[in-house]
C-alpha atoms as a PDB file:
ATOM      1  CA  MET A   1      93.313  72.569  43.132  1.00  0.00           C
ATOM      2  CA  TRP A   2      90.555  72.688  45.720  1.00  0.00           C
ATOM      3  CA  SER A   3      88.892  75.995  46.479  1.00  0.00           C
ATOM      4  CA  VAL A   4      87.697  76.804  50.002  1.00  0.00           C
ATOM      5  CA  LYS A   5      84.112  76.908  48.678  1.00  0.00           C
ATOM      6  CA  LYS A   6      84.332  73.392  47.239  1.00  0.00           C
ATOM      7  CA  LEU A   7      86.043  72.135  50.374  1.00  0.00           C
ATOM      8  CA  TRP A   8      83.288  73.386  52.641  1.00  0.00           C
ATOM      9  CA  PHE A   9      80.564  72.098  50.292  1.00  0.00           C
ATOM     10  CA  MET A  10      81.899  68.555  50.566  1.00  0.00           C
ATOM     11  CA  THR A  11      82.844  68.681  54.244  1.00  0.00           C
ATOM     12  CA  PRO A  12      79.894  66.652  55.651  1.00  0.00           C
ATOM     13  CA  ILE A  13      80.384  63.833  53.135  1.00  0.00           C
ATOM     14  CA  LEU A  14      84.141  63.713  53.532  1.00  0.00           C
ATOM     15  CA  VAL A  15      84.000  63.823  57.313  1.00  0.00           C
ATOM     16  CA  LEU A  16      81.634  60.839  57.269  1.00  0.00           C
ATOM     17  CA  ILE A  17      83.971  58.905  54.989  1.00  0.00           C
ATOM     18  CA  GLY A  18      86.919  59.904  57.154  1.00  0.00           C
ATOM     19  CA  LEU A  19      85.206  58.640  60.285  1.00  0.00           C
ATOM     20  CA  LEU A  20      84.469  55.350  58.549  1.00  0.00           C
ATOM     21  CA  GLN A  21      88.200  55.048  57.897  1.00  0.00           C
ATOM     22  CA  LEU A  22      89.061  55.154  61.593  1.00  0.00           C
ATOM     23  CA  SER A  23      90.903  51.977  62.414  1.00  0.00           C
ATOM     24  CA  GLU A  24      92.126  50.220  65.512  1.00  0.00           C
ATOM     25  CA  THR A  25      95.641  49.294  64.584  1.00  0.00           C
ATOM     26  CA  ALA A  26      97.719  51.689  66.687  1.00  0.00           C
ATOM     27  CA  PHE A  27     100.408  50.042  68.783  1.00  0.00           C
ATOM     28  CA  LEU A  28     102.752  50.864  71.633  1.00  0.00           C
ATOM     29  CA  ARG A  29     106.316  49.645  71.194  1.00  0.00           C
ATOM     30  CA  CYS A  30     108.706  49.545  74.168  1.00  0.00           C
ATOM     31  CA  TYR A  31     112.399  49.406  73.253  1.00  0.00           C
ATOM     32  CA  GLN A  32     114.960  47.462  75.253  1.00  0.00           C
ATOM     33  CA  GLY A  33     118.390  48.857  74.440  1.00  0.00           C
ATOM     34  CA  SER A  34     118.165  48.933  70.638  1.00  0.00           C
ATOM     35  CA  LEU A  35     115.762  49.576  67.774  1.00  0.00           C
ATOM     36  CA  ASN A  36     115.681  45.851  67.008  1.00  0.00           C
ATOM     37  CA  ASN A  37     114.787  44.729  70.516  1.00  0.00           C
ATOM     38  CA  TYR A  38     111.286  45.703  71.545  1.00  0.00           C
ATOM     39  CA  VAL A  39     107.973  44.558  72.960  1.00  0.00           C
ATOM     40  CA  GLU A  40     104.812  45.649  71.154  1.00  0.00           C
ATOM     41  CA  THR A  41     101.157  45.663  72.130  1.00  0.00           C
ATOM     42  CA  PRO A  42      97.950  47.158  70.721  1.00  0.00           C
ATOM     43  CA  LEU A  43      97.205  50.562  72.193  1.00  0.00           C
ATOM     44  CA  SER A  44      93.999  49.086  73.561  1.00  0.00           C
ATOM     45  CA  HIS A  45      96.053  46.722  75.796  1.00  0.00           C
ATOM     46  CA  PRO A  46      98.816  48.966  77.187  1.00  0.00           C
ATOM     47  CA  LEU A  47      99.479  47.002  80.374  1.00  0.00           C
ATOM     48  CA  LYS A  48     101.168  44.255  78.366  1.00  0.00           C
ATOM     49  CA  LEU A  49     104.152  46.656  78.286  1.00  0.00           C
ATOM     50  CA  ILE A  50     104.488  46.793  82.073  1.00  0.00           C
ATOM     51  CA  PRO A  51     107.215  44.083  82.205  1.00  0.00           C
ATOM     52  CA  CYS A  52     109.247  46.233  79.781  1.00  0.00           C
ATOM     53  CA  ILE A  53     108.940  49.405  81.868  1.00  0.00           C
ATOM     54  CA  ASN A  54     111.398  50.110  84.664  1.00  0.00           C
ATOM     55  CA  LYS A  55     109.282  52.044  87.145  1.00  0.00           C
ATOM     56  CA  GLU A  56     112.399  53.629  88.634  1.00  0.00           C
ATOM     57  CA  LEU A  57     113.203  55.434  85.379  1.00  0.00           C
ATOM     58  CA  PRO A  58     111.495  58.292  83.531  1.00  0.00           C
ATOM     59  CA  THR A  59     109.471  57.345  80.451  1.00  0.00           C
ATOM     60  CA  VAL A  60     109.563  59.045  77.049  1.00  0.00           C
ATOM     61  CA  ILE A  61     106.750  58.368  74.581  1.00  0.00           C
ATOM     62  CA  TYR A  62     107.369  59.565  71.025  1.00  0.00           C
ATOM     63  CA  THR A  63     105.229  59.642  67.904  1.00  0.00           C
ATOM     64  CA  PHE A  64     105.467  60.930  64.354  1.00  0.00           C
ATOM     65  CA  GLY A  65     103.127  63.092  62.310  1.00  0.00           C
ATOM     66  CA  TYR A  66     101.018  62.863  59.167  1.00  0.00           C
ATOM     67  CA  ARG A  67     102.278  60.155  56.768  1.00  0.00           C
ATOM     68  CA  GLY A  68     105.031  59.276  59.241  1.00  0.00           C
ATOM     69  CA  ARG A  69     106.688  55.877  59.413  1.00  0.00           C
ATOM     70  CA  ILE A  70     108.097  53.727  62.191  1.00  0.00           C
ATOM     71  CA  SER A  71     111.206  53.373  60.022  1.00  0.00           C
ATOM     72  CA  GLY A  72     111.153  56.990  58.844  1.00  0.00           C
ATOM     73  CA  PRO A  73     114.054  59.399  59.424  1.00  0.00           C
ATOM     74  CA  ALA A  74     112.372  61.326  62.243  1.00  0.00           C
ATOM     75  CA  THR A  75     111.325  58.229  64.170  1.00  0.00           C
ATOM     76  CA  THR A  76     114.684  56.516  63.733  1.00  0.00           C
ATOM     77  CA  ALA A  77     116.663  59.605  64.730  1.00  0.00           C
ATOM     78  CA  VAL A  78     114.629  60.497  67.826  1.00  0.00           C
ATOM     79  CA  LEU A  79     114.407  56.929  69.135  1.00  0.00           C
ATOM     80  CA  THR A  80     118.108  56.295  68.527  1.00  0.00           C
ATOM     81  CA  ALA A  81     119.044  59.517  70.323  1.00  0.00           C
ATOM     82  CA  TYR A  82     117.011  58.545  73.377  1.00  0.00           C
ATOM     83  CA  ILE A  83     118.235  54.952  73.355  1.00  0.00           C
ATOM     84  CA  ASN A  84     121.815  56.237  73.298  1.00  0.00           C
ATOM     85  CA  LYS A  85     121.144  58.394  76.347  1.00  0.00           C
ATOM     86  CA  LYS A  86     120.008  55.320  78.286  1.00  0.00           C
ATOM     87  CA  LYS A  87     118.469  55.560  81.776  1.00  0.00           C
ATOM     88  CA  ARG A  88     114.907  55.987  80.566  1.00  0.00           C
ATOM     89  CA  ASN A  89     112.063  53.910  79.176  1.00  0.00           C
ATOM     90  CA  ILE A  90     111.537  54.542  75.449  1.00  0.00           C
ATOM     91  CA  ILE A  91     108.093  53.933  73.955  1.00  0.00           C
ATOM     92  CA  LEU A  92     106.890  54.594  70.403  1.00  0.00           C
ATOM     93  CA  LEU A  93     103.251  55.184  69.599  1.00  0.00           C
ATOM     94  CA  ASN A  94     102.892  53.543  66.194  1.00  0.00           C
ATOM     95  CA  TRP A  95      99.886  54.960  64.337  1.00  0.00           C
ATOM     96  CA  GLU A  96     101.387  54.505  60.889  1.00  0.00           C
ATOM     97  CA  ASN A  97      98.203  53.152  59.302  1.00  0.00           C
ATOM     98  CA  GLU A  98      95.989  55.884  60.780  1.00  0.00           C
ATOM     99  CA  ALA A  99      98.478  58.604  59.781  1.00  0.00           C
ATOM    100  CA  GLU A 100      98.216  57.655  56.107  1.00  0.00           C
ATOM    101  CA  SER A 101      96.493  59.880  53.569  1.00  0.00           C
ATOM    102  CA  GLY A 102      94.327  56.963  52.459  1.00  0.00           C
ATOM    103  CA  MET A 103      91.905  57.228  49.549  1.00  0.00           C
ATOM    104  CA  PHE A 104      91.767  61.030  49.607  1.00  0.00           C
ATOM    105  CA  GLY A 105      95.339  61.884  48.667  1.00  0.00           C
ATOM    106  CA  ILE A 106      97.698  64.105  50.624  1.00  0.00           C
ATOM    107  CA  SER A 107      95.597  67.242  51.077  1.00  0.00           C
ATOM    108  CA  LEU A 108      92.160  65.857  51.866  1.00  0.00           C
ATOM    109  CA  GLY A 109      93.553  62.804  53.608  1.00  0.00           C
ATOM    110  CA  TYR A 110      95.112  65.115  56.172  1.00  0.00           C
ATOM    111  CA  ALA A 111      91.859  66.938  56.888  1.00  0.00           C
ATOM    112  CA  PHE A 112      89.351  64.122  56.744  1.00  0.00           C
ATOM    113  CA  SER A 113      91.268  61.037  57.788  1.00  0.00           C
ATOM    114  CA  ALA A 114      94.488  61.779  59.665  1.00  0.00           C
ATOM    115  CA  ILE A 115      93.166  64.534  61.943  1.00  0.00           C
ATOM    116  CA  PRO A 116      90.088  62.530  63.094  1.00  0.00           C
ATOM    117  CA  ASN A 117      92.384  59.546  63.664  1.00  0.00           C
ATOM    118  CA  ALA A 118      94.802  61.697  65.658  1.00  0.00           C
ATOM    119  CA  LYS A 119      91.983  62.839  67.922  1.00  0.00           C
ATOM    120  CA  LYS A 120      90.733  59.301  68.491  1.00  0.00           C
ATOM    121  CA  ILE A 121      94.166  57.794  69.078  1.00  0.00           C
ATOM    122  CA  GLY A 122      95.225  60.708  71.253  1.00  0.00           C
ATOM    123  CA  ARG A 123      92.352  60.068  73.622  1.00  0.00           C
ATOM    124  CA  GLU A 124      93.126  56.346  73.595  1.00  0.00           C
ATOM    125  CA  LEU A 125      96.725  57.167  74.494  1.00  0.00           C
ATOM    126  CA  GLY A 126      95.422  59.315  77.338  1.00  0.00           C
ATOM    127  CA  GLN A 127      93.505  56.316  78.666  1.00  0.00           C
ATOM    128  CA  ALA A 128      96.643  54.193  78.323  1.00  0.00           C
ATOM    129  CA  LEU A 129      98.613  56.742  80.364  1.00  0.00           C
ATOM    130  CA  ILE A 130      96.021  56.542  83.113  1.00  0.00           C
ATOM    131  CA  ALA A 131      96.225  52.736  82.991  1.00  0.00           C
ATOM    132  CA  PHE A 132     100.017  52.947  83.322  1.00  0.00           C
ATOM    133  CA  THR A 133      99.640  55.252  86.298  1.00  0.00           C
ATOM    134  CA  LYS A 134      97.237  52.903  88.055  1.00  0.00           C
ATOM    135  CA  ALA A 135      99.734  50.091  87.426  1.00  0.00           C
ATOM    136  CA  GLY A 136     102.486  51.990  89.245  1.00  0.00           C
ATOM    137  CA  VAL A 137     104.183  53.991  86.477  1.00  0.00           C
ATOM    138  CA  ALA A 138     104.472  57.520  87.873  1.00  0.00           C
ATOM    139  CA  ILE A 139     102.754  59.985  85.561  1.00  0.00           C
ATOM    140  CA  SER A 140     105.118  62.625  86.977  1.00  0.00           C
ATOM    141  CA  ASP A 141     107.936  60.825  85.112  1.00  0.00           C
ATOM    142  CA  ILE A 142     106.249  60.750  81.690  1.00  0.00           C
ATOM    143  CA  HIS A 143     107.421  63.006  78.857  1.00  0.00           C
ATOM    144  CA  LEU A 144     105.464  63.061  75.580  1.00  0.00           C
ATOM    145  CA  VAL A 145     107.406  64.113  72.461  1.00  0.00           C
ATOM    146  CA  ALA A 146     106.010  64.333  68.939  1.00  0.00           C
ATOM    147  CA  HIS A 147     106.437  65.872  65.511  1.00  0.00           C
ATOM    148  CA  SER A 148     103.890  67.772  63.380  1.00  0.00           C
ATOM    149  CA  LEU A 149     100.361  66.339  63.594  1.00  0.00           C
ATOM    150  CA  GLY A 150     101.682  63.903  66.190  1.00  0.00           C
ATOM    151  CA  ALA A 151     102.245  66.867  68.509  1.00  0.00           C
ATOM    152  CA  HIS A 152      98.506  67.584  68.455  1.00  0.00           C
ATOM    153  CA  LEU A 153      97.810  63.895  69.041  1.00  0.00           C
ATOM    154  CA  MET A 154      99.861  64.189  72.230  1.00  0.00           C
ATOM    155  CA  GLY A 155      97.876  67.307  73.079  1.00  0.00           C
ATOM    156  CA  PHE A 156      94.643  65.343  72.808  1.00  0.00           C
ATOM    157  CA  ALA A 157      96.161  62.706  75.110  1.00  0.00           C
ATOM    158  CA  GLY A 158      97.196  65.305  77.659  1.00  0.00           C
ATOM    159  CA  ARG A 159      93.791  66.949  77.562  1.00  0.00           C
ATOM    160  CA  LEU A 160      92.066  63.599  78.201  1.00  0.00           C
ATOM    161  CA  THR A 161      94.252  62.769  81.190  1.00  0.00           C
ATOM    162  CA  ARG A 162      93.615  66.202  82.675  1.00  0.00           C
ATOM    163  CA  GLU A 163      89.864  65.674  82.291  1.00  0.00           C
ATOM    164  CA  GLN A 164      90.290  62.489  84.323  1.00  0.00           C
ATOM    165  CA  GLY A 165      92.280  64.183  87.082  1.00  0.00           C
ATOM    166  CA  TYR A 166      95.808  63.296  85.911  1.00  0.00           C
ATOM    167  CA  VAL A 167      98.297  65.850  84.582  1.00  0.00           C
ATOM    168  CA  VAL A 168     101.112  64.973  82.205  1.00  0.00           C
ATOM    169  CA  PRO A 169     104.194  66.905  83.356  1.00  0.00           C
ATOM    170  CA  ARG A 170     105.651  67.732  79.934  1.00  0.00           C
ATOM    171  CA  ILE A 171     104.775  67.624  76.248  1.00  0.00           C
ATOM    172  CA  THR A 172     107.335  68.684  73.642  1.00  0.00           C
ATOM    173  CA  GLY A 173     105.898  69.660  70.262  1.00  0.00           C
ATOM    174  CA  LEU A 174     108.334  69.507  67.349  1.00  0.00           C
ATOM    175  CA  ASP A 175     106.877  72.012  64.873  1.00  0.00           C
ATOM    176  CA  PRO A 176     103.199  71.169  65.487  1.00  0.00           C
ATOM    177  CA  ALA A 177     101.089  71.157  62.342  1.00  0.00           C
ATOM    178  CA  GLY A 178      99.453  74.501  61.589  1.00  0.00           C
ATOM    179  CA  THR A 179      96.884  73.718  58.895  1.00  0.00           C
ATOM    180  CA  LEU A 180      93.333  73.684  60.337  1.00  0.00           C
ATOM    181  CA  PHE A 181      94.718  74.273  63.847  1.00  0.00           C
ATOM    182  CA  GLU A 182      95.151  78.039  63.536  1.00  0.00           C
ATOM    183  CA  GLY A 183      93.952  80.936  61.414  1.00  0.00           C
ATOM    184  CA  PRO A 184      90.432  81.853  60.198  1.00  0.00           C
ATOM    185  CA  LEU A 185      89.602  78.211  59.417  1.00  0.00           C
ATOM    186  CA  SER A 186      91.004  76.706  62.600  1.00  0.00           C
ATOM    187  CA  LEU A 187      88.629  73.774  63.022  1.00  0.00           C
ATOM    188  CA  HIS A 188      90.543  71.979  65.763  1.00  0.00           C
ATOM    189  CA  SER A 189      92.058  72.824  69.126  1.00  0.00           C
ATOM    190  CA  GLY A 190      95.381  71.005  69.312  1.00  0.00           C
ATOM    191  CA  LEU A 191      98.462  71.171  71.485  1.00  0.00           C
ATOM    192  CA  ASP A 192      98.585  74.186  73.783  1.00  0.00           C
ATOM    193  CA  ARG A 193      99.796  75.095  77.243  1.00  0.00           C
ATOM    194  CA  THR A 194      96.705  73.599  78.912  1.00  0.00           C
ATOM    195  CA  CYS A 195      97.527  70.046  77.752  1.00  0.00           C
ATOM    196  CA  ALA A 196     100.292  69.462  80.303  1.00  0.00           C
ATOM    197  CA  LYS A 197     101.975  71.103  83.259  1.00  0.00           C
ATOM    198  CA  PHE A 198     104.713  72.277  80.877  1.00  0.00           C
ATOM    199  CA  VAL A 199     104.498  72.475  77.081  1.00  0.00           C
ATOM    200  CA  ASP A 200     107.558  73.442  75.046  1.00  0.00           C
ATOM    201  CA  ILE A 201     107.177  73.969  71.307  1.00  0.00           C
ATOM    202  CA  ILE A 202     109.912  74.272  68.692  1.00  0.00           C
ATOM    203  CA  HIS A 203     108.814  76.238  65.593  1.00  0.00           C
ATOM    204  CA  THR A 204     110.839  75.765  62.403  1.00  0.00           C
ATOM    205  CA  ASP A 205     108.396  75.954  59.460  1.00  0.00           C
ATOM    206  CA  LEU A 206     105.915  78.671  60.371  1.00  0.00           C
ATOM    207  CA  GLY A 207     103.348  79.571  57.766  1.00  0.00           C
ATOM    208  CA  ASN A 208     104.056  76.405  55.824  1.00  0.00           C
ATOM    209  CA  TYR A 209     103.572  73.023  57.511  1.00  0.00           C
ATOM    210  CA  GLY A 210     104.191  74.259  61.051  1.00  0.00           C
ATOM    211  CA  SER A 211     102.374  76.470  63.521  1.00  0.00           C
ATOM    212  CA  SER A 212     102.934  80.231  63.485  1.00  0.00           C
ATOM    213  CA  THR A 213     101.516  81.124  66.889  1.00  0.00           C
ATOM    214  CA  SER A 214     102.778  80.932  70.467  1.00  0.00           C
ATOM    215  CA  THR A 215     100.629  78.315  72.183  1.00  0.00           C
ATOM    216  CA  GLY A 216     103.047  76.617  74.555  1.00  0.00           C
ATOM    217  CA  THR A 217     104.305  77.438  78.009  1.00  0.00           C
ATOM    218  CA  VAL A 218     107.539  78.067  76.130  1.00  0.00           C
ATOM    219  CA  ASP A 219     107.790  78.655  72.374  1.00  0.00           C
ATOM    220  CA  ILE A 220     111.244  78.396  70.802  1.00  0.00           C
ATOM    221  CA  TRP A 221     111.821  80.062  67.429  1.00  0.00           C
ATOM    222  CA  PRO A 222     115.078  78.951  65.734  1.00  0.00           C
ATOM    223  CA  ASN A 223     116.193  81.322  62.962  1.00  0.00           C
ATOM    224  CA  TYR A 224     112.987  83.354  63.109  1.00  0.00           C
ATOM    225  CA  THR A 225     113.045  86.501  60.953  1.00  0.00           C
ATOM    226  CA  GLY A 226     109.449  87.650  61.097  1.00  0.00           C
ATOM    227  CA  GLU A 227     108.461  85.983  57.837  1.00  0.00           C
ATOM    228  CA  LYS A 228     107.778  82.658  56.226  1.00  0.00           C
ATOM    229  CA  SER A 229     111.338  81.595  55.549  1.00  0.00           C
ATOM    230  CA  LYS A 230     113.437  78.493  55.105  1.00  0.00           C
ATOM    231  CA  GLN A 231     115.722  77.210  57.822  1.00  0.00           C
ATOM    232  CA  PRO A 232     119.400  77.876  56.984  1.00  0.00           C
ATOM    233  CA  GLY A 233     120.719  75.290  54.563  1.00  0.00           C
ATOM    234  CA  CYS A 234     117.290  74.221  53.297  1.00  0.00           C
ATOM    235  CA  PRO A 235     116.754  74.489  49.520  1.00  0.00           C
ATOM    236  CA  ILE A 236     114.656  77.301  48.093  1.00  0.00           C
ATOM    237  CA  GLY A 237     112.169  76.557  45.334  1.00  0.00           C
ATOM    238  CA  ASN A 238     108.953  74.738  44.522  1.00  0.00           C
ATOM    239  CA  PHE A 239     109.229  71.066  45.362  1.00  0.00           C
ATOM    240  CA  GLU A 240     106.929  68.080  45.301  1.00  0.00           C
ATOM    241  CA  MET A 241     104.682  68.070  48.362  1.00  0.00           C
ATOM    242  CA  PHE A 242     106.144  66.047  51.232  1.00  0.00           C
ATOM    243  CA  SER A 243     109.426  65.456  49.429  1.00  0.00           C
ATOM    244  CA  PRO A 244     112.587  65.733  51.585  1.00  0.00           C
ATOM    245  CA  GLU A 245     113.310  69.141  50.045  1.00  0.00           C
ATOM    246  CA  ASP A 246     109.769  70.339  50.740  1.00  0.00           C
ATOM    247  CA  LEU A 247     109.893  69.102  54.346  1.00  0.00           C
ATOM    248  CA  CYS A 248     113.402  70.355  55.106  1.00  0.00           C
ATOM    249  CA  SER A 249     112.429  73.237  57.421  1.00  0.00           C
ATOM    250  CA  HIS A 250     109.627  71.220  59.032  1.00  0.00           C
ATOM    251  CA  ASP A 251     112.041  68.375  59.755  1.00  0.00           C
ATOM    252  CA  ARG A 252     114.663  70.662  61.256  1.00  0.00           C
ATOM    253  CA  SER A 253     112.576  70.732  64.446  1.00  0.00           C
ATOM    254  CA  TRP A 254     113.368  67.099  65.202  1.00  0.00           C
ATOM    255  CA  GLY A 255     116.868  67.496  63.741  1.00  0.00           C
ATOM    256  CA  TYR A 256     117.704  70.227  66.247  1.00  0.00           C
ATOM    257  CA  PHE A 257     116.055  68.287  69.062  1.00  0.00           C
ATOM    258  CA  VAL A 258     118.055  65.145  68.299  1.00  0.00           C
ATOM    259  CA  GLU A 259     121.333  67.062  68.302  1.00  0.00           C
ATOM    260  CA  ALA A 260     120.329  68.738  71.557  1.00  0.00           C
ATOM    261  CA  LEU A 261     119.874  65.311  73.149  1.00  0.00           C
ATOM    262  CA  ALA A 262     123.469  64.483  72.238  1.00  0.00           C
ATOM    263  CA  TRP A 263     124.905  67.949  73.038  1.00  0.00           C
ATOM    264  CA  PRO A 264     122.557  69.407  75.671  1.00  0.00           C
ATOM    265  CA  THR A 265     124.006  72.939  75.815  1.00  0.00           C
ATOM    266  CA  SER A 266     124.524  73.478  72.087  1.00  0.00           C
ATOM    267  CA  PHE A 267     121.193  75.208  71.428  1.00  0.00           C
ATOM    268  CA  GLN A 268     120.983  78.203  73.747  1.00  0.00           C
ATOM    269  CA  ALA A 269     117.977  80.505  73.293  1.00  0.00           C
ATOM    270  CA  VAL A 270     117.243  83.958  74.684  1.00  0.00           C
ATOM    271  CA  ALA A 271     113.941  85.323  75.961  1.00  0.00           C
ATOM    272  CA  ALA A 272     112.134  88.152  74.184  1.00  0.00           C
ATOM    273  CA  SER A 273     108.484  89.090  73.953  1.00  0.00           C
ATOM    274  CA  ASN A 274     108.772  89.109  70.155  1.00  0.00           C
ATOM    275  CA  TYR A 275     111.277  89.083  67.308  1.00  0.00           C
ATOM    276  CA  SER A 276     111.643  92.863  67.225  1.00  0.00           C
ATOM    277  CA  GLU A 277     112.619  92.953  70.879  1.00  0.00           C
ATOM    278  CA  TRP A 278     115.177  90.200  70.322  1.00  0.00           C
ATOM    279  CA  VAL A 279     116.764  92.191  67.516  1.00  0.00           C
ATOM    280  CA  ALA A 280     116.558  95.517  69.360  1.00  0.00           C
ATOM    281  CA  HIS A 281     118.388  94.102  72.383  1.00  0.00           C
ATOM    282  CA  GLY A 282     120.953  92.275  70.280  1.00  0.00           C
ATOM    283  CA  GLY A 283     120.191  89.017  72.057  1.00  0.00           C
ATOM    284  CA  GLU A 284     121.109  90.464  75.451  1.00  0.00           C
ATOM    285  CA  SER A 285     118.937  89.050  78.220  1.00  0.00           C
ATOM    286  CA  ASN A 286     119.312  87.542  81.654  1.00  0.00           C
ATOM    287  CA  ARG A 287     116.795  84.861  80.701  1.00  0.00           C
ATOM    288  CA  THR A 288     118.144  82.010  78.598  1.00  0.00           C
ATOM    289  CA  ILE A 289     117.215  78.382  78.188  1.00  0.00           C
ATOM    290  CA  TYR A 290     118.444  75.384  76.269  1.00  0.00           C
ATOM    291  CA  LEU A 291     116.438  73.656  73.577  1.00  0.00           C
ATOM    292  CA  GLY A 292     116.018  69.948  74.358  1.00  0.00           C
ATOM    293  CA  ASP A 293     116.057  67.921  77.554  1.00  0.00           C
ATOM    294  CA  LEU A 294     117.554  70.807  79.538  1.00  0.00           C
ATOM    295  CA  THR A 295     114.721  73.240  78.766  1.00  0.00           C
ATOM    296  CA  SER A 296     113.833  74.802  82.106  1.00  0.00           C
ATOM    297  CA  THR A 297     110.297  73.895  83.101  1.00  0.00           C
ATOM    298  CA  GLN A 298     110.202  77.147  85.085  1.00  0.00           C
ATOM    299  CA  ALA A 299     110.522  79.223  81.914  1.00  0.00           C
ATOM    300  CA  LYS A 300     107.680  80.969  80.104  1.00  0.00           C
ATOM    301  CA  GLY A 301     107.241  82.906  76.882  1.00  0.00           C
ATOM    302  CA  ASN A 302     109.076  83.190  73.560  1.00  0.00           C
ATOM    303  CA  TYR A 303     112.731  82.308  73.050  1.00  0.00           C
ATOM    304  CA  TYR A 304     114.885  82.938  69.984  1.00  0.00           C
ATOM    305  CA  LEU A 305     118.131  81.528  68.615  1.00  0.00           C
ATOM    306  CA  ARG A 306     120.136  81.024  65.463  1.00  0.00           C
ATOM    307  CA  THR A 307     121.667  77.787  64.203  1.00  0.00           C
ATOM    308  CA  ASN A 308     124.314  76.714  61.764  1.00  0.00           C
ATOM    309  CA  ASN A 309     123.195  75.888  58.218  1.00  0.00           C
ATOM    310  CA  LYS A 310     124.411  72.295  58.469  1.00  0.00           C
ATOM    311  CA  SER A 311     125.102  69.701  61.114  1.00  0.00           C
ATOM    312  CA  PRO A 312     126.242  70.263  63.791  1.00  0.00           C
ATOM    313  CA  PHE A 313     123.564  72.945  63.971  1.00  0.00           C
ATOM    314  CA  GLY A 314     124.066  74.243  67.505  1.00  0.00           C
ATOM    315  CA  LEU A 315     125.942  77.535  67.936  1.00  0.00           C
ATOM    316  CA  GLY A 316     125.891  77.725  71.718  1.00  0.00           C
ATOM    317  CA  VAL A 317     125.857  81.231  73.162  1.00  0.00           C
ATOM    318  CA  GLU A 318     126.719  82.693  69.737  1.00  0.00           C
ATOM    319  CA  GLY A 319     123.321  81.514  68.555  1.00  0.00           C
ATOM    320  CA  THR A 320     121.552  83.924  70.889  1.00  0.00           C
ATOM    321  CA  LYS A 321     122.743  86.890  68.772  1.00  0.00           C
ATOM    322  CA  PRO A 322     120.337  87.878  65.973  1.00  0.00           C
ATOM    323  CA  ILE A 323     121.366  88.806  62.459  1.00  0.00           C
ATOM    324  CA  THR A 324     119.880  92.260  61.924  1.00  0.00           C
ATOM    325  CA  ASN A 325     120.605  92.928  58.240  1.00  0.00           C
ATOM    326  CA  GLN A 326     117.856  90.694  56.891  1.00  0.00           C
ATOM    327  CA  THR A 327     114.946  92.087  54.885  1.00  0.00           C
ATOM    328  CA  ARG A 328     111.572  91.331  56.370  1.00  0.00           C
ATOM    329  CA  ARG A 329     108.553  90.612  54.195  1.00  0.00           C
ATOM    330  CA  ARG A 330     105.003  90.573  55.414  1.00  0.00           C
ATOM    331  CA  ARG A 331     102.974  87.560  54.395  1.00  0.00           C
ATOM    332  CA  ASN A 332      99.761  85.916  55.425  1.00  0.00           C
ATOM    333  CA  PRO A 333     100.921  82.535  56.798  1.00  0.00           C
ATOM    334  CA  PHE A 334      97.369  81.159  56.921  1.00  0.00           C
ATOM    335  CA  LEU A 335      96.689  81.817  53.240  1.00  0.00           C
ATOM    336  CA  ALA A 336     100.110  80.520  52.189  1.00  0.00           C
ATOM    337  CA  ARG A 337      99.524  77.295  54.103  1.00  0.00           C
ATOM    338  CA  LEU A 338      95.966  76.878  52.824  1.00  0.00           C
ATOM    339  CA  PHE A 339      97.024  77.271  49.202  1.00  0.00           C
ATOM    340  CA  LYS A 340      99.806  74.755  49.706  1.00  0.00           C
ATOM    341  CA  PHE A 341      97.447  72.078  50.975  1.00  0.00           C
ATOM    342  CA  PHE A 342      94.359  72.843  48.918  1.00  0.00           C
END
């Protein structure tokens, strides 16, 4: 177990090693109707994808988070859902090698390898987006979607394009990673509302792997109860780090999003300034949105909803009503997250 003191003592050395691990093997993969039919090019040569991109259609670019895989459950589910919807260009940012934990192991690999790689690749993706725009792909039709650390990568991309005078219209963060991006030891500025014209964030694992703070234009809080808690149906207990059981709540963010792509009105959320207001008003509000593609880009603030404990998760309008007989416990999400990683 690493103490904060030891971690900070070794920071300069580990950062140097992490920077030396930066690689140049990220790719862009453009799908043509199925997961098995695609064109792929190094991120450094994005214009090779132009023949695959229909400039009359909107473009979705998705990526995974720390230790993600191109054949992993999140990637497969999100890409399949978008491919099934048709009428849009589907591109995967493959940074599988850079998202690995490498020689450090899970905890330190995240801090000293994956995060620096995410920053580097995010800015490279931003340059690729600008190259697409100059080649005739309308930046106003680009939607960036990503899970966990990948959400911050997309934030870095959006921030780079804005620095260059281009604004990405929408970034959707599926439970953006919280460790080292918030709290007393927040060393990095990741995805927030300044990274795109509209940023919607779905929080499902606050205080654990996911972010606990409202940083988007819209922040959606499924099954929030004011504490670090599991999503309904997720197992309770101590599990091996990054096992399916351990990641259950974190992965629900993309699980809900995928179902919302198939059933666009199944995840209705209601506006409230905070959880207490949502409970006090019993979910009554004249401001509601839908999680997923139909999220109103005119909306702002926090939105709350409940889900089922198994698929299909969406409860429709019934999900806007809070359950008020739950016991709330106060915890320090930053410390809980730090102890989990280190």
